[in-house]
């Protein structure tokens, strides 16, 4: 993982966002957010997010990603992948 992604991972983890890295992420150099974790509803929701969230992502989480020029994309309803903007 590059420095920007690692910084986002560390910041989000401290915030309580359920971040993780699996084998696929290691190969691609990114990380994921576990939307099935019991704490996930505070941060992400594929099906039932408040109106002020962007595509199911809490504004505070989105702010961290935007500041670091990153974005989250739903891989499936249980996982968001975090990527660098090109």
Protein backbone atom coordinates (compact mmCIF):
# COMPACT_ATOMS: atom_id res chain seq x y z
CA UNK A 1 0.00 0.00 0.00
CA UNK A 2 1.34 3.44 -0.83
CA UNK A 3 1.69 6.22 1.75
CA UNK A 4 -1.66 7.92 0.98
CA UNK A 5 -3.62 4.69 1.28
CA UNK A 6 -1.74 3.72 4.44
CA UNK A 7 -2.48 7.14 5.97
CA UNK A 8 -6.18 6.78 5.16
CA UNK A 9 -6.20 3.24 6.57
CA UNK A 10 -4.60 4.42 9.81
CA UNK A 11 -6.88 7.48 10.21
CA UNK A 12 -10.04 5.49 9.49
CA UNK A 13 -9.01 2.72 11.86
CA UNK A 14 -8.53 5.26 14.67
CA UNK A 15 -11.99 6.70 13.85
CA UNK A 16 -13.49 3.24 14.35
CA UNK A 17 -14.17 2.43 10.69
CA UNK A 18 -13.87 -1.35 10.15
CA UNK A 19 -10.99 -1.34 7.65
CA UNK A 20 -9.18 -4.49 6.54
CA UNK A 21 -6.64 -5.83 4.08
CA UNK A 22 -6.99 -9.25 2.49
CA UNK A 23 -4.96 -11.09 -0.14
CA UNK A 24 -6.77 -9.39 -3.05
CA UNK A 25 -6.10 -5.97 -1.55
CA UNK A 26 -2.44 -6.80 -1.04
CA UNK A 27 -2.14 -7.68 -4.73
CA UNK A 28 -3.88 -4.46 -5.81
CA UNK A 29 -2.25 -2.23 -3.20
CA UNK A 30 -5.45 -0.95 -1.61
CA UNK A 31 -7.70 -1.78 1.37
CA UNK A 32 -11.35 -2.40 2.14
CA UNK A 33 -14.08 -1.35 4.54
CA UNK A 34 -16.09 -4.23 6.00
CA UNK A 35 -19.76 -3.27 5.67
CA UNK A 36 -20.81 -6.45 7.50
CA UNK A 37 -18.93 -5.59 10.69
CA UNK A 38 -21.21 -4.77 13.66
CA UNK A 39 -19.76 -1.21 13.76
CA UNK A 40 -20.22 -0.64 10.03
CA UNK A 41 -23.68 0.98 10.18
CA UNK A 42 -22.09 4.03 11.82
CA UNK A 43 -19.94 4.54 8.71
CA UNK A 44 -21.32 2.77 5.64
CA UNK A 45 -24.57 1.28 4.41
CA UNK A 46 -25.31 -0.19 1.01
CA UNK A 47 -29.07 -0.33 1.56
CA UNK A 48 -30.15 2.24 4.15
CA UNK A 49 -27.98 5.33 4.37
CA UNK A 50 -29.09 8.77 5.59
CA UNK A 51 -29.80 11.34 2.89
CA UNK A 52 -26.63 13.36 3.63
CA UNK A 53 -24.34 10.36 2.99
CA UNK A 54 -22.68 9.97 -0.43
CA UNK A 55 -23.50 6.58 -2.00
CA UNK A 56 -23.79 5.00 1.44
CA UNK A 57 -20.64 6.58 2.92
CA UNK A 58 -20.67 8.75 6.08
CA UNK A 59 -19.58 12.37 5.41
CA UNK A 60 -16.65 12.22 7.88
CA UNK A 61 -15.28 9.11 6.17
CA UNK A 62 -15.79 10.73 2.76
CA UNK A 63 -13.93 13.86 3.96
CA UNK A 64 -10.86 11.81 4.90
CA UNK A 65 -10.84 10.14 1.49
CA UNK A 66 -11.34 13.40 -0.43
CA UNK A 67 -8.55 15.14 1.49
CA UNK A 68 -6.16 12.35 0.47
CA UNK A 69 -7.49 12.20 -3.11
CA UNK A 70 -8.96 8.73 -2.60
CA UNK A 71 -12.43 7.28 -3.12
CA UNK A 72 -14.48 4.29 -1.99
CA UNK A 73 -16.33 2.04 -4.39
CA UNK A 74 -18.74 -0.73 -3.48
CA UNK A 75 -17.21 -4.08 -4.40
CA UNK A 76 -20.39 -5.78 -3.17
CA UNK A 77 -22.95 -4.96 -0.43
CA UNK A 78 -20.52 -6.23 2.21
CA UNK A 79 -17.35 -4.42 1.15
CA UNK A 80 -16.15 -1.06 -0.09
CA UNK A 81 -12.74 -0.90 -1.70
CA UNK A 82 -10.68 2.26 -1.26
CA UNK A 83 -8.73 3.48 -4.27
CA UNK A 84 -6.53 6.34 -5.40
CA UNK A 85 -8.02 8.86 -7.83
CA UNK A 86 -6.23 8.74 -11.17
